[in-house]
PDB file of N, CA and C in Angstrom:
ATOM      1  N   MET A   1       8.491 -12.231   0.659  1.00  0.00           N
ATOM      2  CA  MET A   1       8.242 -10.837   0.330  1.00  0.00           C
ATOM      3  C   MET A   1       9.565 -10.075   0.391  1.00  0.00           C
ATOM      4  N   ASN A   2       9.866  -9.364  -0.665  1.00  0.00           N
ATOM      5  CA  ASN A   2      11.065  -8.530  -0.704  1.00  0.00           C
ATOM      6  C   ASN A   2      10.689  -7.111  -0.293  1.00  0.00           C
ATOM      7  N   LEU A   3      11.491  -6.534   0.588  1.00  0.00           N
ATOM      8  CA  LEU A   3      11.235  -5.180   1.073  1.00  0.00           C
ATOM      9  C   LEU A   3      12.484  -4.346   0.880  1.00  0.00           C
ATOM     10  N   THR A   4      12.333  -3.194   0.215  1.00  0.00           N
ATOM     11  CA  THR A   4      13.433  -2.261   0.019  1.00  0.00           C
ATOM     12  C   THR A   4      13.008  -0.902   0.555  1.00  0.00           C
ATOM     13  N   ILE A   5      13.784  -0.381   1.492  1.00  0.00           N
ATOM     14  CA  ILE A   5      13.535   0.966   2.015  1.00  0.00           C
ATOM     15  C   ILE A   5      14.765   1.793   1.699  1.00  0.00           C
ATOM     16  N   SER A   6      14.576   2.853   0.904  1.00  0.00           N
ATOM     17  CA  SER A   6      15.719   3.679   0.526  1.00  0.00           C
ATOM     18  C   SER A   6      15.387   5.151   0.728  1.00  0.00           C
ATOM     19  N   GLY A   7      16.432   5.963   0.798  1.00  0.00           N
ATOM     20  CA  GLY A   7      16.259   7.391   1.003  1.00  0.00           C
ATOM     21  C   GLY A   7      16.939   8.178  -0.099  1.00  0.00           C
ATOM     22  N   HIS A   8      16.348   9.299  -0.438  1.00  0.00           N
ATOM     23  CA  HIS A   8      16.895  10.195  -1.450  1.00  0.00           C
ATOM     24  C   HIS A   8      17.152  11.527  -0.759  1.00  0.00           C
ATOM     25  N   HIS A   9      18.406  11.972  -0.704  1.00  0.00           N
ATOM     26  CA  HIS A   9      18.820  13.155   0.067  1.00  0.00           C
ATOM     27  C   HIS A   9      18.532  12.949   1.549  1.00  0.00           C
ATOM     28  N   LEU A  10      18.596  11.696   2.000  1.00  0.00           N
ATOM     29  CA  LEU A  10      18.212  11.374   3.359  1.00  0.00           C
ATOM     30  C   LEU A  10      18.822  10.033   3.735  1.00  0.00           C
ATOM     31  N   GLU A  11      19.313   9.933   4.951  1.00  0.00           N
ATOM     32  CA  GLU A  11      19.814   8.652   5.445  1.00  0.00           C
ATOM     33  C   GLU A  11      18.680   7.958   6.188  1.00  0.00           C
ATOM     34  N   VAL A  12      18.421   6.707   5.839  1.00  0.00           N
ATOM     35  CA  VAL A  12      17.360   5.953   6.490  1.00  0.00           C
ATOM     36  C   VAL A  12      17.918   5.403   7.801  1.00  0.00           C
ATOM     37  N   THR A  13      17.488   6.000   8.898  1.00  0.00           N
ATOM     38  CA  THR A  13      17.964   5.588  10.215  1.00  0.00           C
ATOM     39  C   THR A  13      17.239   4.313  10.650  1.00  0.00           C
ATOM     40  N   PRO A  14      17.809   3.578  11.607  1.00  0.00           N
ATOM     41  CA  PRO A  14      17.112   2.381  12.105  1.00  0.00           C
ATOM     42  C   PRO A  14      15.728   2.700  12.688  1.00  0.00           C
ATOM     43  N   ALA A  15      15.585   3.861  13.329  1.00  0.00           N
ATOM     44  CA  ALA A  15      14.275   4.240  13.883  1.00  0.00           C
ATOM     45  C   ALA A  15      13.262   4.474  12.763  1.00  0.00           C
ATOM     46  N   LEU A  16      13.705   5.123  11.695  1.00  0.00           N
ATOM     47  CA  LEU A  16      12.830   5.370  10.549  1.00  0.00           C
ATOM     48  C   LEU A  16      12.446   4.057   9.870  1.00  0.00           C
ATOM     49  N   ARG A  17      13.412   3.167   9.727  1.00  0.00           N
ATOM     50  CA  ARG A  17      13.166   1.851   9.120  1.00  0.00           C
ATOM     51  C   ARG A  17      12.158   1.063   9.962  1.00  0.00           C
ATOM     52  N   GLU A  18      12.319   1.092  11.269  1.00  0.00           N
ATOM     53  CA  GLU A  18      11.406   0.371  12.165  1.00  0.00           C
ATOM     54  C   GLU A  18      10.002   0.957  12.104  1.00  0.00           C
ATOM     55  N   TYR A  19       9.903   2.292  11.988  1.00  0.00           N
ATOM     56  CA  TYR A  19       8.599   2.959  11.884  1.00  0.00           C
ATOM     57  C   TYR A  19       7.868   2.527  10.615  1.00  0.00           C
ATOM     58  N   VAL A  20       8.591   2.474   9.499  1.00  0.00           N
ATOM     59  CA  VAL A  20       7.986   2.043   8.236  1.00  0.00           C
ATOM     60  C   VAL A  20       7.557   0.582   8.328  1.00  0.00           C
ATOM     61  N   LEU A  21       8.376  -0.254   8.936  1.00  0.00           N
ATOM     62  CA  LEU A  21       8.042  -1.675   9.062  1.00  0.00           C
ATOM     63  C   LEU A  21       6.783  -1.893   9.897  1.00  0.00           C
ATOM     64  N   THR A  22       6.644  -1.154  10.999  1.00  0.00           N
ATOM     65  CA  THR A  22       5.447  -1.321  11.821  1.00  0.00           C
ATOM     66  C   THR A  22       4.204  -0.844  11.085  1.00  0.00           C
ATOM     67  N   LYS A  23       4.347   0.204  10.283  1.00  0.00           N
ATOM     68  CA  LYS A  23       3.199   0.688   9.515  1.00  0.00           C
ATOM     69  C   LYS A  23       2.843  -0.277   8.376  1.00  0.00           C
ATOM     70  N   LEU A  24       3.845  -0.880   7.751  1.00  0.00           N
ATOM     71  CA  LEU A  24       3.596  -1.830   6.663  1.00  0.00           C
ATOM     72  C   LEU A  24       2.960  -3.118   7.176  1.00  0.00           C
ATOM     73  N   ASP A  25       3.157  -3.400   8.439  1.00  0.00           N
ATOM     74  CA  ASP A  25       2.592  -4.615   9.017  1.00  0.00           C
ATOM     75  C   ASP A  25       1.076  -4.627   8.905  1.00  0.00           C
ATOM     76  N   ARG A  26       0.461  -3.457   9.031  1.00  0.00           N
ATOM     77  CA  ARG A  26      -0.993  -3.347   8.918  1.00  0.00           C
ATOM     78  C   ARG A  26      -1.458  -3.726   7.515  1.00  0.00           C
ATOM     79  N   VAL A  27      -0.712  -3.297   6.511  1.00  0.00           N
ATOM     80  CA  VAL A  27      -1.092  -3.583   5.125  1.00  0.00           C
ATOM     81  C   VAL A  27      -0.914  -5.068   4.822  1.00  0.00           C
ATOM     82  N   THR A  28       0.202  -5.636   5.243  1.00  0.00           N
ATOM     83  CA  THR A  28       0.447  -7.046   4.952  1.00  0.00           C
ATOM     84  C   THR A  28      -0.479  -7.955   5.755  1.00  0.00           C
ATOM     85  N   ARG A  29      -1.011  -7.454   6.862  1.00  0.00           N
ATOM     86  CA  ARG A  29      -1.970  -8.245   7.635  1.00  0.00           C
ATOM     87  C   ARG A  29      -3.292  -8.361   6.875  1.00  0.00           C
ATOM     88  N   HIS A  30      -3.670  -7.307   6.150  1.00  0.00           N
ATOM     89  CA  HIS A  30      -4.915  -7.335   5.376  1.00  0.00           C
ATOM     90  C   HIS A  30      -4.792  -8.203   4.133  1.00  0.00           C
ATOM     91  N   PHE A  31      -3.622  -8.193   3.523  1.00  0.00           N
ATOM     92  CA  PHE A  31      -3.464  -8.857   2.231  1.00  0.00           C
ATOM     93  C   PHE A  31      -2.101  -9.535   2.227  1.00  0.00           C
ATOM     94  N   ASP A  32      -2.090 -10.857   2.191  1.00  0.00           N
ATOM     95  CA  ASP A  32      -0.830 -11.578   2.347  1.00  0.00           C
ATOM     96  C   ASP A  32      -0.181 -11.979   1.028  1.00  0.00           C
ATOM     97  N   GLN A  33      -0.770 -11.631  -0.107  1.00  0.00           N
ATOM     98  CA  GLN A  33      -0.197 -12.019  -1.392  1.00  0.00           C
ATOM     99  C   GLN A  33       0.708 -10.927  -1.962  1.00  0.00           C
ATOM    100  N   VAL A  34       1.471 -10.276  -1.095  1.00  0.00           N
ATOM    101  CA  VAL A  34       2.381  -9.218  -1.514  1.00  0.00           C
ATOM    102  C   VAL A  34       3.693  -9.859  -1.952  1.00  0.00           C
ATOM    103  N   VAL A  35       4.154  -9.519  -3.170  1.00  0.00           N
ATOM    104  CA  VAL A  35       5.386 -10.084  -3.705  1.00  0.00           C
ATOM    105  C   VAL A  35       6.574  -9.197  -3.352  1.00  0.00           C
ATOM    106  N   ASP A  36       6.417  -7.888  -3.517  1.00  0.00           N
ATOM    107  CA  ASP A  36       7.544  -6.969  -3.450  1.00  0.00           C
ATOM    108  C   ASP A  36       7.064  -5.607  -2.953  1.00  0.00           C
ATOM    109  N   ILE A  37       7.848  -4.955  -2.083  1.00  0.00           N
ATOM    110  CA  ILE A  37       7.518  -3.607  -1.606  1.00  0.00           C
ATOM    111  C   ILE A  37       8.763  -2.738  -1.729  1.00  0.00           C
ATOM    112  N   ASN A  38       8.626  -1.593  -2.395  1.00  0.00           N
ATOM    113  CA  ASN A  38       9.702  -0.611  -2.487  1.00  0.00           C
ATOM    114  C   ASN A  38       9.230   0.683  -1.838  1.00  0.00           C
ATOM    115  N   VAL A  39       9.974   1.165  -0.851  1.00  0.00           N
ATOM    116  CA  VAL A  39       9.640   2.405  -0.165  1.00  0.00           C
ATOM    117  C   VAL A  39      10.761   3.398  -0.445  1.00  0.00           C
ATOM    118  N   LEU A  40      10.402   4.605  -0.882  1.00  0.00           N
ATOM    119  CA  LEU A  40      11.375   5.665  -1.136  1.00  0.00           C
ATOM    120  C   LEU A  40      10.996   6.875  -0.296  1.00  0.00           C
ATOM    121  N   LEU A  41      11.908   7.274   0.573  1.00  0.00           N
ATOM    122  CA  LEU A  41      11.703   8.449   1.426  1.00  0.00           C
ATOM    123  C   LEU A  41      12.585   9.560   0.884  1.00  0.00           C
ATOM    124  N   THR A  42      12.015  10.745   0.646  1.00  0.00           N
ATOM    125  CA  THR A  42      12.722  11.822  -0.025  1.00  0.00           C
ATOM    126  C   THR A  42      12.605  13.114   0.767  1.00  0.00           C
ATOM    127  N   VAL A  43      13.696  13.852   0.824  1.00  0.00           N
ATOM    128  CA  VAL A  43      13.666  15.230   1.312  1.00  0.00           C
ATOM    129  C   VAL A  43      13.922  16.094   0.093  1.00  0.00           C
ATOM    130  N   GLU A  44      12.920  16.859  -0.298  1.00  0.00           N
ATOM    131  CA  GLU A  44      13.049  17.689  -1.497  1.00  0.00           C
ATOM    132  C   GLU A  44      13.812  18.962  -1.159  1.00  0.00           C
ATOM    133  N   LYS A  45      14.758  19.306  -1.989  1.00  0.00           N
ATOM    134  CA  LYS A  45      15.566  20.508  -1.777  1.00  0.00           C
ATOM    135  C   LYS A  45      14.872  21.692  -2.456  1.00  0.00           C
ATOM    136  N   GLN A  46      13.961  22.314  -1.719  1.00  0.00           N
ATOM    137  CA  GLN A  46      13.231  23.459  -2.249  1.00  0.00           C
ATOM    138  C   GLN A  46      13.393  24.634  -1.305  1.00  0.00           C
ATOM    139  N   LYS A  47      13.110  25.826  -1.824  1.00  0.00           N
ATOM    140  CA  LYS A  47      13.236  27.020  -0.986  1.00  0.00           C
ATOM    141  C   LYS A  47      12.107  27.106   0.036  1.00  0.00           C
ATOM    142  N   GLU A  48      10.868  26.806  -0.396  1.00  0.00           N
ATOM    143  CA  GLU A  48       9.771  26.897   0.568  1.00  0.00           C
ATOM    144  C   GLU A  48       9.804  25.690   1.491  1.00  0.00           C
ATOM    145  N   LYS A  49       9.419  25.914   2.710  1.00  0.00           N
ATOM    146  CA  LYS A  49       9.505  24.875   3.729  1.00  0.00           C
ATOM    147  C   LYS A  49       8.339  23.896   3.658  1.00  0.00           C
ATOM    148  N   GLU A  50       7.244  24.318   3.049  1.00  0.00           N
ATOM    149  CA  GLU A  50       6.040  23.520   3.107  1.00  0.00           C
ATOM    150  C   GLU A  50       6.112  22.314   2.171  1.00  0.00           C
ATOM    151  N   ARG A  51       5.655  21.170   2.662  1.00  0.00           N
ATOM    152  CA  ARG A  51       5.538  19.929   1.893  1.00  0.00           C
ATOM    153  C   ARG A  51       6.844  19.511   1.227  1.00  0.00           C
ATOM    154  N   ARG A  52       7.898  19.420   1.990  1.00  0.00           N
ATOM    155  CA  ARG A  52       9.160  19.015   1.394  1.00  0.00           C
ATOM    156  C   ARG A  52       9.568  17.583   1.720  1.00  0.00           C
ATOM    157  N   GLN A  53       8.910  16.937   2.663  1.00  0.00           N
ATOM    158  CA  GLN A  53       9.202  15.537   2.966  1.00  0.00           C
ATOM    159  C   GLN A  53       8.222  14.672   2.178  1.00  0.00           C
ATOM    160  N   LYS A  54       8.744  13.720   1.425  1.00  0.00           N
ATOM    161  CA  LYS A  54       7.869  12.917   0.583  1.00  0.00           C
ATOM    162  C   LYS A  54       8.151  11.438   0.807  1.00  0.00           C
ATOM    163  N   ALA A  55       7.092  10.654   0.822  1.00  0.00           N
ATOM    164  CA  ALA A  55       7.208   9.206   0.956  1.00  0.00           C
ATOM    165  C   ALA A  55       6.449   8.566  -0.200  1.00  0.00           C
ATOM    166  N   GLU A  56       7.077   7.579  -0.830  1.00  0.00           N
ATOM    167  CA  GLU A  56       6.459   6.851  -1.939  1.00  0.00           C
ATOM    168  C   GLU A  56       6.588   5.363  -1.655  1.00  0.00           C
ATOM    169  N   VAL A  57       5.598   4.611  -2.089  1.00  0.00           N
ATOM    170  CA  VAL A  57       5.675   3.159  -1.956  1.00  0.00           C
ATOM    171  C   VAL A  57       5.080   2.521  -3.210  1.00  0.00           C
ATOM    172  N   THR A  58       5.745   1.473  -3.670  1.00  0.00           N
ATOM    173  CA  THR A  58       5.237   0.659  -4.765  1.00  0.00           C
ATOM    174  C   THR A  58       5.100  -0.758  -4.230  1.00  0.00           C
ATOM    175  N   VAL A  59       3.887  -1.275  -4.260  1.00  0.00           N
ATOM    176  CA  VAL A  59       3.615  -2.624  -3.784  1.00  0.00           C
ATOM    177  C   VAL A  59       3.269  -3.470  -4.992  1.00  0.00           C
ATOM    178  N   HIS A  60       4.033  -4.522  -5.191  1.00  0.00           N
ATOM    179  CA  HIS A  60       3.782  -5.442  -6.299  1.00  0.00           C
ATOM    180  C   HIS A  60       3.027  -6.636  -5.743  1.00  0.00           C
ATOM    181  N   VAL A  61       1.753  -6.716  -6.102  1.00  0.00           N
ATOM    182  CA  VAL A  61       0.936  -7.856  -5.706  1.00  0.00           C
ATOM    183  C   VAL A  61       0.665  -8.678  -6.956  1.00  0.00           C
ATOM    184  N   LYS A  62       0.124  -9.846  -6.767  1.00  0.00           N
ATOM    185  CA  LYS A  62      -0.122 -10.719  -7.897  1.00  0.00           C
ATOM    186  C   LYS A  62      -1.095 -10.054  -8.874  1.00  0.00           C
ATOM    187  N   GLY A  63      -0.606  -9.756 -10.056  1.00  0.00           N
ATOM    188  CA  GLY A  63      -1.458  -9.187 -11.082  1.00  0.00           C
ATOM    189  C   GLY A  63      -1.494  -7.675 -11.159  1.00  0.00           C
ATOM    190  N   ARG A  64      -0.857  -6.968 -10.237  1.00  0.00           N
ATOM    191  CA  ARG A  64      -0.971  -5.508 -10.253  1.00  0.00           C
ATOM    192  C   ARG A  64       0.132  -4.851  -9.433  1.00  0.00           C
ATOM    193  N   ASP A  65       0.504  -3.636  -9.818  1.00  0.00           N
ATOM    194  CA  ASP A  65       1.394  -2.807  -9.012  1.00  0.00           C
ATOM    195  C   ASP A  65       0.566  -1.669  -8.432  1.00  0.00           C
ATOM    196  N   ILE A  66       0.717  -1.427  -7.146  1.00  0.00           N
ATOM    197  CA  ILE A  66       0.002  -0.334  -6.480  1.00  0.00           C
ATOM    198  C   ILE A  66       1.041   0.705  -6.092  1.00  0.00           C
ATOM    199  N   PHE A  67       0.871   1.930  -6.595  1.00  0.00           N
ATOM    200  CA  PHE A  67       1.806   3.013  -6.305  1.00  0.00           C
ATOM    201  C   PHE A  67       1.077   4.103  -5.545  1.00  0.00           C
ATOM    202  N   VAL A  68       1.679   4.556  -4.441  1.00  0.00           N
ATOM    203  CA  VAL A  68       1.102   5.621  -3.626  1.00  0.00           C
ATOM    204  C   VAL A  68       2.223   6.572  -3.236  1.00  0.00           C
ATOM    205  N   GLU A  69       1.932   7.880  -3.271  1.00  0.00           N
ATOM    206  CA  GLU A  69       2.900   8.855  -2.783  1.00  0.00           C
ATOM    207  C   GLU A  69       2.179   9.888  -1.933  1.00  0.00           C
ATOM    208  N   GLN A  70       2.921  10.444  -0.983  1.00  0.00           N
ATOM    209  CA  GLN A  70       2.347  11.435  -0.078  1.00  0.00           C
ATOM    210  C   GLN A  70       3.452  12.382   0.367  1.00  0.00           C
ATOM    211  N   ALA A  71       3.143  13.681   0.397  1.00  0.00           N
ATOM    212  CA  ALA A  71       4.121  14.682   0.847  1.00  0.00           C
ATOM    213  C   ALA A  71       3.562  15.426   2.052  1.00  0.00           C
ATOM    214  N   HIS A  72       4.448  15.816   2.958  1.00  0.00           N
ATOM    215  CA  HIS A  72       4.052  16.545   4.164  1.00  0.00           C
ATOM    216  C   HIS A  72       5.285  17.249   4.713  1.00  0.00           C
ATOM    217  N   GLU A  73       5.062  18.192   5.606  1.00  0.00           N
ATOM    218  CA  GLU A  73       6.187  18.879   6.246  1.00  0.00           C
ATOM    219  C   GLU A  73       6.982  17.926   7.123  1.00  0.00           C
ATOM    220  N   ASP A  74       6.283  17.015   7.785  1.00  0.00           N
ATOM    221  CA  ASP A  74       6.906  16.042   8.678  1.00  0.00           C
ATOM    222  C   ASP A  74       6.933  14.678   7.988  1.00  0.00           C
ATOM    223  N   LEU A  75       8.086  14.027   7.968  1.00  0.00           N
ATOM    224  CA  LEU A  75       8.226  12.750   7.273  1.00  0.00           C
ATOM    225  C   LEU A  75       7.379  11.667   7.925  1.00  0.00           C
ATOM    226  N   TYR A  76       7.293  11.671   9.251  1.00  0.00           N
ATOM    227  CA  TYR A  76       6.490  10.659   9.937  1.00  0.00           C
ATOM    228  C   TYR A  76       5.003  10.825   9.614  1.00  0.00           C
ATOM    229  N   ALA A  77       4.537  12.068   9.507  1.00  0.00           N
ATOM    230  CA  ALA A  77       3.141  12.315   9.124  1.00  0.00           C
ATOM    231  C   ALA A  77       2.902  11.881   7.681  1.00  0.00           C
ATOM    232  N   ALA A  78       3.892  12.109   6.810  1.00  0.00           N
ATOM    233  CA  ALA A  78       3.776  11.676   5.418  1.00  0.00           C
ATOM    234  C   ALA A  78       3.672  10.156   5.346  1.00  0.00           C
ATOM    235  N   ILE A  79       4.454   9.451   6.166  1.00  0.00           N
ATOM    236  CA  ILE A  79       4.401   7.983   6.183  1.00  0.00           C
ATOM    237  C   ILE A  79       3.041   7.514   6.690  1.00  0.00           C
ATOM    238  N   ASP A  80       2.518   8.161   7.738  1.00  0.00           N
ATOM    239  CA  ASP A  80       1.191   7.801   8.258  1.00  0.00           C
ATOM    240  C   ASP A  80       0.110   7.936   7.188  1.00  0.00           C
ATOM    241  N   GLN A  81       0.093   9.086   6.507  1.00  0.00           N
ATOM    242  CA  GLN A  81      -0.910   9.320   5.470  1.00  0.00           C
ATOM    243  C   GLN A  81      -0.718   8.365   4.297  1.00  0.00           C
ATOM    244  N   LEU A  82       0.532   8.078   3.982  1.00  0.00           N
ATOM    245  CA  LEU A  82       0.841   7.149   2.892  1.00  0.00           C
ATOM    246  C   LEU A  82       0.297   5.758   3.194  1.00  0.00           C
ATOM    247  N   MET A  83       0.492   5.294   4.406  1.00  0.00           N
ATOM    248  CA  MET A  83       0.024   3.954   4.767  1.00  0.00           C
ATOM    249  C   MET A  83      -1.496   3.884   4.806  1.00  0.00           C
ATOM    250  N   ASP A  84      -2.157   4.990   5.188  1.00  0.00           N
ATOM    251  CA  ASP A  84      -3.621   5.020   5.137  1.00  0.00           C
ATOM    252  C   ASP A  84      -4.108   4.864   3.702  1.00  0.00           C
ATOM    253  N   LYS A  85      -3.495   5.609   2.777  1.00  0.00           N
ATOM    254  CA  LYS A  85      -3.866   5.511   1.363  1.00  0.00           C
ATOM    255  C   LYS A  85      -3.598   4.110   0.832  1.00  0.00           C
ATOM    256  N   LEU A  86      -2.424   3.576   1.173  1.00  0.00           N
ATOM    257  CA  LEU A  86      -2.046   2.256   0.693  1.00  0.00           C
ATOM    258  C   LEU A  86      -2.996   1.190   1.223  1.00  0.00           C
ATOM    259  N   ASP A  87      -3.383   1.309   2.468  1.00  0.00           N
ATOM    260  CA  ASP A  87      -4.301   0.351   3.068  1.00  0.00           C
ATOM    261  C   ASP A  87      -5.638   0.346   2.333  1.00  0.00           C
ATOM    262  N   ARG A  88      -6.137   1.540   2.002  1.00  0.00           N
ATOM    263  CA  ARG A  88      -7.403   1.624   1.262  1.00  0.00           C
ATOM    264  C   ARG A  88      -7.276   0.976  -0.117  1.00  0.00           C
ATOM    265  N   GLN A  89      -6.167   1.242  -0.799  1.00  0.00           N
ATOM    266  CA  GLN A  89      -6.000   0.687  -2.143  1.00  0.00           C
ATOM    267  C   GLN A  89      -5.829  -0.828  -2.113  1.00  0.00           C
ATOM    268  N   VAL A  90      -5.100  -1.333  -1.127  1.00  0.00           N
ATOM    269  CA  VAL A  90      -4.914  -2.778  -1.017  1.00  0.00           C
ATOM    270  C   VAL A  90      -6.240  -3.457  -0.699  1.00  0.00           C
ATOM    271  N   CYS A  91      -7.039  -2.865   0.185  1.00  0.00           N
ATOM    272  CA  CYS A  91      -8.359  -3.429   0.497  1.00  0.00           C
ATOM    273  C   CYS A  91      -9.268  -3.409  -0.724  1.00  0.00           C
ATOM    274  N   ARG A  92      -9.196  -2.332  -1.513  1.00  0.00           N
ATOM    275  CA  ARG A  92      -9.997  -2.246  -2.733  1.00  0.00           C
ATOM    276  C   ARG A  92      -9.567  -3.319  -3.728  1.00  0.00           C
ATOM    277  N   HIS A  93      -8.260  -3.528  -3.854  1.00  0.00           N
ATOM    278  CA  HIS A  93      -7.742  -4.562  -4.754  1.00  0.00           C
ATOM    279  C   HIS A  93      -8.175  -5.955  -4.287  1.00  0.00           C
ATOM    280  N   LYS A  94      -8.140  -6.174  -2.985  1.00  0.00           N
ATOM    281  CA  LYS A  94      -8.543  -7.466  -2.425  1.00  0.00           C
ATOM    282  C   LYS A  94     -10.026  -7.726  -2.687  1.00  0.00           C
ATOM    283  N   ASP A  95     -10.868  -6.679  -2.553  1.00  0.00           N
ATOM    284  CA  ASP A  95     -12.296  -6.827  -2.835  1.00  0.00           C
ATOM    285  C   ASP A  95     -12.545  -7.163  -4.293  1.00  0.00           C
ATOM    286  N   LYS A  96     -11.754  -6.584  -5.190  1.00  0.00           N
ATOM    287  CA  LYS A  96     -11.930  -6.878  -6.612  1.00  0.00           C
ATOM    288  C   LYS A  96     -11.544  -8.318  -6.939  1.00  0.00           C
ATOM    289  N   LEU A  97     -10.588  -8.860  -6.203  1.00  0.00           N
ATOM    290  CA  LEU A  97     -10.168 -10.235  -6.455  1.00  0.00           C
ATOM    291  C   LEU A  97     -11.202 -11.248  -5.997  1.00  0.00           C
ATOM    292  N   GLN A  98     -11.921 -10.926  -4.935  1.00  0.00           N
ATOM    293  CA  GLN A  98     -12.913 -11.869  -4.415  1.00  0.00           C
ATOM    294  C   GLN A  98     -14.112 -11.897  -5.337  1.00  0.00           C
ATOM    295  N   ASP A  99     -14.667 -13.068  -5.527  1.00  0.00           N
ATOM    296  CA  ASP A  99     -15.817 -13.224  -6.414  1.00  0.00           C
ATOM    297  C   ASP A  99     -17.087 -12.907  -5.642  1.00  0.00           C
ATOM    298  N   HIS A 100     -17.690 -11.768  -5.971  1.00  0.00           N
ATOM    299  CA  HIS A 100     -18.915 -11.356  -5.292  1.00  0.00           C
ATOM    300  C   HIS A 100     -20.162 -11.809  -6.046  1.00  0.00           C
ATOM    301  N   HIS A 101     -19.984 -12.331  -7.250  1.00  0.00           N
ATOM    302  CA  HIS A 101     -21.118 -12.731  -8.083  1.00  0.00           C
ATOM    303  C   HIS A 101     -21.303 -14.244  -7.961  1.00  0.00           C
ATOM    304  N   HIS A 102     -22.240 -14.632  -7.147  1.00  0.00           N
ATOM    305  CA  HIS A 102     -22.494 -16.048  -6.938  1.00  0.00           C
ATOM    306  C   HIS A 102     -23.456 -16.553  -7.999  1.00  0.00           C
ATOM    307  N   GLN A 103     -23.356 -17.821  -8.295  1.00  0.00           N
ATOM    308  CA  GLN A 103     -24.261 -18.426  -9.257  1.00  0.00           C
ATOM    309  C   GLN A 103     -25.675 -18.439  -8.667  1.00  0.00           C
ATOM    310  N   ALA A 104     -26.630 -18.039  -9.474  1.00  0.00           N
ATOM    311  CA  ALA A 104     -28.019 -18.067  -9.028  1.00  0.00           C
ATOM    312  C   ALA A 104     -28.478 -19.524  -8.962  1.00  0.00           C
ATOM    313  N   VAL A 105     -29.319 -19.815  -7.998  1.00  0.00           N
ATOM    314  CA  VAL A 105     -29.834 -21.162  -7.888  1.00  0.00           C
ATOM    315  C   VAL A 105     -30.787 -21.387  -9.053  1.00  0.00           C
ATOM    316  N   LYS A 106     -30.500 -22.404  -9.829  1.00  0.00           N
ATOM    317  CA  LYS A 106     -31.318 -22.660 -11.017  1.00  0.00           C
ATOM    318  C   LYS A 106     -32.638 -23.307 -10.599  1.00  0.00           C
ATOM    319  N   ARG A 107     -33.660 -22.954 -11.349  1.00  0.00           N
ATOM    320  CA  ARG A 107     -34.964 -23.527 -11.044  1.00  0.00           C
ATOM    321  C   ARG A 107     -34.958 -25.002 -11.402  1.00  0.00           C
ATOM    322  N   MET A 108     -35.585 -25.749 -10.555  1.00  0.00           N
ATOM    323  CA  MET A 108     -35.662 -27.186 -10.819  1.00  0.00           C
ATOM    324  C   MET A 108     -36.753 -27.412 -11.847  1.00  0.00           C
ATOM    325  N   ASP A 109     -36.433 -28.160 -12.898  1.00  0.00           N
ATOM    326  CA  ASP A 109     -37.442 -28.478 -13.906  1.00  0.00           C
ATOM    327  C   ASP A 109     -38.339 -29.585 -13.375  1.00  0.00           C
ATOM    328  N   MET A 110     -39.594 -29.312 -13.431  1.00  0.00           N
ATOM    329  CA  MET A 110     -40.556 -30.320 -12.963  1.00  0.00           C
ATOM    330  C   MET A 110     -40.773 -31.320 -14.086  1.00  0.00           C
ATOM    331  N   PRO A 111     -40.729 -32.577 -13.782  1.00  0.00           N
ATOM    332  CA  PRO A 111     -40.955 -33.573 -14.844  1.00  0.00           C
ATOM    333  C   PRO A 111     -42.409 -33.499 -15.333  1.00  0.00           C
ATOM    334  N   ALA A 112     -42.553 -33.612 -16.634  1.00  0.00           N
ATOM    335  CA  ALA A 112     -43.903 -33.558 -17.214  1.00  0.00           C
ATOM    336  C   ALA A 112     -44.616 -34.862 -16.910  1.00  0.00           C
ATOM    337  N   SER A 113     -45.863 -34.736 -16.446  1.00  0.00           N
ATOM    338  CA  SER A 113     -46.590 -35.969 -16.152  1.00  0.00           C
ATOM    339  C   SER A 113     -47.667 -36.227 -17.144  1.00  0.00           C
TER     340      SER A 113
END
């Protein structure tokens, strides 16, 4: 699994990197067929203070890319909410991959006497 954590207008500190890794562990525990993960942490340069920290993640799994983004005043809260959303989407994708439609038991043909 390839993991890229990058920052835009922000330096990714070791503490921030470790926080993202511990949160991603929950997602990879649910679904182990993850090929690639890209995390982008952004501080938006806006005049208003509200919702300026943004976290985005793109998870490349077999057959699909899952993209989630979340903005919040606090970057750690944005990461928490982002991982909750990502976890739900990964679980939904995993459920779609599993075959829930089992073959019906065919009736046995009685031999004609």
